[in-house]
Amino acid sequence: MSLEWLASAVLAATGLSVFGRFEEKTPLWRRPSTWAFYFGITGALSRWPGRPWTFLWIFGLPGIGLLFHVWWCTKHGIDPLTAEPKDRYYELRGWAGP
């Protein structure tokens, strides 16, 4: 089970450091609750169905999220890597402008 925790922790740390800047206006309560959910499912899958399902969750969920992200950004005219134009990105997220 330690390999699953290591993989999910590395993925979470990488995701937070690389993509955290895009969540600057997300409510503070939502940020840790998202990760608590992710790690909770990781632990439950590791305990009951087993390692293959856990790794499918650990790497499959971000993969699906990446595909959805690229599709959604492209559909709405936003660059998937830089979130430009910022005004449009903020508008679609329901945030006040920069």
N, C-alpha and C. Protein backbone atom coordinates (compact mmCIF):
# COMPACT_ATOMS: atom_id res chain seq x y z
N MET A 1 0.82 -1.19 0.00
CA MET A 1 0.00 0.00 0.00
C MET A 1 0.86 1.26 0.00
N SER A 2 2.10 1.16 0.45
CA SER A 2 2.94 2.35 0.51
C SER A 2 3.26 2.90 -0.88
N LEU A 3 3.35 2.02 -1.88
CA LEU A 3 3.62 2.49 -3.24
C LEU A 3 2.46 3.33 -3.77
N GLU A 4 1.24 2.94 -3.43
CA GLU A 4 0.07 3.71 -3.85
C GLU A 4 0.08 5.10 -3.22
N TRP A 5 0.39 5.16 -1.92
CA TRP A 5 0.42 6.45 -1.23
C TRP A 5 1.53 7.33 -1.78
N LEU A 6 2.69 6.74 -2.06
CA LEU A 6 3.79 7.51 -2.62
C LEU A 6 3.41 8.07 -3.99
N ALA A 7 2.85 7.24 -4.85
CA ALA A 7 2.47 7.69 -6.19
C ALA A 7 1.42 8.80 -6.12
N SER A 8 0.42 8.64 -5.28
CA SER A 8 -0.63 9.66 -5.20
C SER A 8 -0.11 10.94 -4.55
N ALA A 9 0.80 10.82 -3.58
CA ALA A 9 1.37 12.02 -2.95
C ALA A 9 2.26 12.79 -3.92
N VAL A 10 3.07 12.08 -4.70
CA VAL A 10 3.92 12.74 -5.69
C VAL A 10 3.05 13.42 -6.75
N LEU A 11 2.01 12.75 -7.18
CA LEU A 11 1.11 13.33 -8.16
C LEU A 11 0.42 14.57 -7.60
N ALA A 12 -0.02 14.50 -6.35
CA ALA A 12 -0.69 15.65 -5.71
C ALA A 12 0.27 16.82 -5.55
N ALA A 13 1.48 16.55 -5.08
CA ALA A 13 2.46 17.62 -4.88
C ALA A 13 2.82 18.27 -6.21
N THR A 14 2.99 17.47 -7.23
CA THR A 14 3.30 18.01 -8.55
C THR A 14 2.13 18.84 -9.07
N GLY A 15 0.94 18.32 -8.94
CA GLY A 15 -0.24 19.05 -9.39
C GLY A 15 -0.43 20.36 -8.67
N LEU A 16 -0.24 20.35 -7.35
CA LEU A 16 -0.40 21.58 -6.58
C LEU A 16 0.64 22.63 -6.95
N SER A 17 1.87 22.20 -7.14
CA SER A 17 2.92 23.17 -7.45
C SER A 17 2.82 23.70 -8.88
N VAL A 18 2.39 22.87 -9.81
CA VAL A 18 2.32 23.30 -11.21
C VAL A 18 1.02 24.05 -11.51
N PHE A 19 -0.10 23.54 -10.98
CA PHE A 19 -1.40 24.09 -11.36
C PHE A 19 -2.07 24.92 -10.27
N GLY A 20 -1.45 25.07 -9.12
CA GLY A 20 -2.05 25.83 -8.03
C GLY A 20 -2.33 27.27 -8.36
N ARG A 21 -1.56 27.84 -9.25
CA ARG A 21 -1.75 29.25 -9.61
C ARG A 21 -3.06 29.49 -10.33
N PHE A 22 -3.66 28.45 -10.88
CA PHE A 22 -4.94 28.60 -11.56
C PHE A 22 -6.12 28.51 -10.60
N GLU A 23 -5.85 28.22 -9.35
CA GLU A 23 -6.91 28.08 -8.34
C GLU A 23 -6.87 29.22 -7.33
N GLU A 24 -6.32 30.35 -7.70
CA GLU A 24 -6.10 31.44 -6.75
C GLU A 24 -7.37 31.98 -6.13
N LYS A 25 -8.50 31.88 -6.82
CA LYS A 25 -9.75 32.41 -6.27
C LYS A 25 -10.72 31.31 -5.84
N THR A 26 -10.26 30.07 -5.82
CA THR A 26 -11.08 28.98 -5.33
C THR A 26 -11.20 29.12 -3.82
N PRO A 27 -12.39 28.91 -3.25
CA PRO A 27 -12.54 29.04 -1.80
C PRO A 27 -11.56 28.13 -1.04
N LEU A 28 -11.06 28.62 0.07
CA LEU A 28 -10.05 27.88 0.84
C LEU A 28 -10.55 26.52 1.30
N TRP A 29 -11.81 26.39 1.67
CA TRP A 29 -12.34 25.11 2.15
C TRP A 29 -12.35 24.06 1.05
N ARG A 30 -12.48 24.50 -0.20
CA ARG A 30 -12.61 23.55 -1.30
C ARG A 30 -11.28 22.88 -1.67
N ARG A 31 -10.20 23.59 -1.51
CA ARG A 31 -8.89 23.03 -1.91
C ARG A 31 -8.54 21.77 -1.12
N PRO A 32 -8.52 21.81 0.21
CA PRO A 32 -8.18 20.57 0.93
C PRO A 32 -9.27 19.51 0.84
N SER A 33 -10.53 19.90 0.69
CA SER A 33 -11.59 18.89 0.60
C SER A 33 -11.46 18.06 -0.68
N THR A 34 -11.01 18.68 -1.75
CA THR A 34 -10.80 17.95 -3.00
C THR A 34 -9.73 16.89 -2.82
N TRP A 35 -8.63 17.26 -2.17
CA TRP A 35 -7.54 16.31 -1.95
C TRP A 35 -7.91 15.26 -0.92
N ALA A 36 -8.71 15.62 0.08
CA ALA A 36 -9.17 14.65 1.06
C ALA A 36 -10.02 13.57 0.37
N PHE A 37 -10.87 13.99 -0.54
CA PHE A 37 -11.68 13.05 -1.31
C PHE A 37 -10.79 12.13 -2.14
N TYR A 38 -9.81 12.72 -2.84
CA TYR A 38 -8.90 11.94 -3.69
C TYR A 38 -8.12 10.90 -2.87
N PHE A 39 -7.56 11.33 -1.74
CA PHE A 39 -6.80 10.39 -0.90
C PHE A 39 -7.70 9.38 -0.21
N GLY A 40 -8.92 9.77 0.12
CA GLY A 40 -9.88 8.83 0.72
C GLY A 40 -10.24 7.71 -0.23
N ILE A 41 -10.51 8.07 -1.48
CA ILE A 41 -10.80 7.04 -2.49
C ILE A 41 -9.58 6.18 -2.74
N THR A 42 -8.41 6.79 -2.75
CA THR A 42 -7.16 6.02 -2.93
C THR A 42 -7.02 4.97 -1.83
N GLY A 43 -7.23 5.38 -0.59
CA GLY A 43 -7.13 4.44 0.53
C GLY A 43 -8.17 3.34 0.47
N ALA A 44 -9.41 3.69 0.13
CA ALA A 44 -10.47 2.69 0.05
C ALA A 44 -10.20 1.69 -1.07
N LEU A 45 -9.77 2.17 -2.22
CA LEU A 45 -9.46 1.25 -3.32
C LEU A 45 -8.28 0.36 -2.98
N SER A 46 -7.31 0.91 -2.30
CA SER A 46 -6.13 0.14 -1.94
C SER A 46 -6.49 -0.98 -0.96
N ARG A 47 -7.42 -0.68 -0.08
CA ARG A 47 -7.80 -1.66 0.95
C ARG A 47 -8.69 -2.76 0.40
N TRP A 48 -9.69 -2.42 -0.45
CA TRP A 48 -10.66 -3.43 -0.87
C TRP A 48 -10.42 -4.00 -2.26
N PRO A 49 -10.60 -3.29 -3.34
CA PRO A 49 -10.44 -3.96 -4.64
C PRO A 49 -8.99 -4.35 -4.96
N GLY A 50 -8.02 -3.55 -4.50
CA GLY A 50 -6.64 -3.94 -4.72
C GLY A 50 -5.84 -2.96 -5.55
N ARG A 51 -4.58 -3.31 -5.69
CA ARG A 51 -3.59 -2.44 -6.32
C ARG A 51 -3.90 -2.04 -7.76
N PRO A 52 -4.30 -2.94 -8.64
CA PRO A 52 -4.56 -2.50 -10.02
C PRO A 52 -5.62 -1.41 -10.10
N TRP A 53 -6.70 -1.54 -9.34
CA TRP A 53 -7.76 -0.53 -9.34
C TRP A 53 -7.28 0.77 -8.72
N THR A 54 -6.42 0.65 -7.74
CA THR A 54 -5.89 1.86 -7.11
C THR A 54 -5.05 2.65 -8.10
N PHE A 55 -4.17 1.98 -8.83
CA PHE A 55 -3.34 2.68 -9.80
C PHE A 55 -4.16 3.19 -10.99
N LEU A 56 -5.23 2.50 -11.33
CA LEU A 56 -6.13 3.01 -12.35
C LEU A 56 -6.74 4.33 -11.89
N TRP A 57 -7.12 4.41 -10.61
CA TRP A 57 -7.66 5.64 -10.03
C TRP A 57 -6.59 6.73 -9.97
N ILE A 58 -5.40 6.37 -9.47
CA ILE A 58 -4.33 7.36 -9.26
C ILE A 58 -3.92 8.01 -10.58
N PHE A 59 -3.77 7.23 -11.62
CA PHE A 59 -3.30 7.78 -12.89
C PHE A 59 -4.43 8.01 -13.90
N GLY A 60 -5.52 7.28 -13.78
CA GLY A 60 -6.62 7.42 -14.71
C GLY A 60 -7.41 8.69 -14.49
N LEU A 61 -7.67 9.04 -13.23
CA LEU A 61 -8.44 10.25 -12.94
C LEU A 61 -7.74 11.50 -13.47
N PRO A 62 -6.45 11.69 -13.19
CA PRO A 62 -5.78 12.86 -13.78
C PRO A 62 -5.73 12.81 -15.30
N GLY A 63 -5.62 11.63 -15.88
CA GLY A 63 -5.62 11.51 -17.34
C GLY A 63 -6.94 11.95 -17.94
N ILE A 64 -8.04 11.49 -17.34
CA ILE A 64 -9.36 11.91 -17.80
C ILE A 64 -9.54 13.41 -17.57
N GLY A 65 -9.07 13.88 -16.42
CA GLY A 65 -9.15 15.31 -16.13
C GLY A 65 -8.37 16.15 -17.13
N LEU A 66 -7.21 15.67 -17.54
CA LEU A 66 -6.41 16.38 -18.53
C LEU A 66 -7.12 16.45 -19.88
N LEU A 67 -7.68 15.34 -20.30
CA LEU A 67 -8.42 15.34 -21.57
C LEU A 67 -9.61 16.28 -21.52
N PHE A 68 -10.37 16.24 -20.42
CA PHE A 68 -11.50 17.14 -20.28
C PHE A 68 -11.04 18.59 -20.25
N HIS A 69 -9.97 18.88 -19.53
CA HIS A 69 -9.43 20.23 -19.41
C HIS A 69 -9.06 20.80 -20.79
N VAL A 70 -8.33 20.04 -21.57
CA VAL A 70 -7.91 20.50 -22.89
C VAL A 70 -9.13 20.73 -23.77
N TRP A 71 -10.10 19.81 -23.74
CA TRP A 71 -11.31 19.96 -24.53
C TRP A 71 -12.09 21.20 -24.11
N TRP A 72 -12.31 21.37 -22.81
CA TRP A 72 -13.11 22.48 -22.28
C TRP A 72 -12.45 23.82 -22.60
N CYS A 73 -11.15 23.92 -22.37
CA CYS A 73 -10.45 25.18 -22.64
C CYS A 73 -10.49 25.52 -24.13
N THR A 74 -10.24 24.54 -24.97
CA THR A 74 -10.25 24.77 -26.41
C THR A 74 -11.64 25.19 -26.88
N LYS A 75 -12.66 24.54 -26.36
CA LYS A 75 -14.04 24.87 -26.73
C LYS A 75 -14.39 26.31 -26.36
N HIS A 76 -13.85 26.79 -25.24
CA HIS A 76 -14.18 28.14 -24.77
C HIS A 76 -13.14 29.20 -25.16
N GLY A 77 -12.20 28.85 -26.01
CA GLY A 77 -11.23 29.82 -26.50
C GLY A 77 -10.18 30.22 -25.49
N ILE A 78 -9.80 29.31 -24.61
CA ILE A 78 -8.79 29.58 -23.59
C ILE A 78 -7.60 28.66 -23.85
N ASP A 79 -6.40 29.20 -23.72
CA ASP A 79 -5.21 28.38 -23.88
C ASP A 79 -5.13 27.40 -22.70
N PRO A 80 -5.03 26.09 -22.94
CA PRO A 80 -5.02 25.11 -21.85
C PRO A 80 -3.80 25.18 -20.94
N LEU A 81 -2.70 25.76 -21.40
CA LEU A 81 -1.49 25.82 -20.57
C LEU A 81 -1.34 27.12 -19.79
N THR A 82 -1.84 28.21 -20.34
CA THR A 82 -1.63 29.52 -19.70
C THR A 82 -2.91 30.17 -19.19
N ALA A 83 -4.06 29.62 -19.54
CA ALA A 83 -5.37 30.18 -19.17
C ALA A 83 -5.55 31.60 -19.70
N GLU A 84 -4.99 31.86 -20.85
CA GLU A 84 -5.15 33.17 -21.50
C GLU A 84 -6.30 33.09 -22.49
N PRO A 85 -7.10 34.07 -22.64
CA PRO A 85 -7.12 35.35 -21.94
C PRO A 85 -7.71 35.21 -20.53
N LYS A 86 -7.06 35.83 -19.59
CA LYS A 86 -7.43 35.73 -18.18
C LYS A 86 -8.85 36.19 -17.92
N ASP A 87 -9.26 37.28 -18.57
CA ASP A 87 -10.62 37.79 -18.35
C ASP A 87 -11.67 36.74 -18.69
N ARG A 88 -11.49 36.06 -19.79
CA ARG A 88 -12.43 35.01 -20.22
C ARG A 88 -12.40 33.83 -19.26
N TYR A 89 -11.20 33.44 -18.83
CA TYR A 89 -11.04 32.33 -17.87
C TYR A 89 -11.76 32.66 -16.56
N TYR A 90 -11.54 33.85 -16.05
CA TYR A 90 -12.19 34.25 -14.79
C TYR A 90 -13.71 34.30 -14.95
N GLU A 91 -14.16 34.80 -16.09
CA GLU A 91 -15.60 34.87 -16.35
C GLU A 91 -16.23 33.48 -16.33
N LEU A 92 -15.58 32.52 -17.00
CA LEU A 92 -16.12 31.16 -17.06
C LEU A 92 -16.06 30.46 -15.70
N ARG A 93 -15.11 30.81 -14.87
CA ARG A 93 -15.04 30.24 -13.52
C ARG A 93 -16.00 30.92 -12.55
N GLY A 94 -16.58 32.06 -12.97
CA GLY A 94 -17.50 32.78 -12.10
C GLY A 94 -16.80 33.67 -11.10
N TRP A 95 -15.57 34.06 -11.40
CA TRP A 95 -14.77 34.90 -10.51
C TRP A 95 -14.78 36.35 -11.02
N ALA A 96 -14.51 37.27 -10.12
CA ALA A 96 -14.32 38.67 -10.53
C ALA A 96 -13.03 38.76 -11.33
N GLY A 97 -12.95 39.73 -12.23
CA GLY A 97 -11.77 39.89 -13.08
C GLY A 97 -10.49 40.13 -12.31
N PRO A 98 -9.35 39.96 -12.99
CA PRO A 98 -8.04 40.11 -12.33
C PRO A 98 -7.75 41.54 -11.91
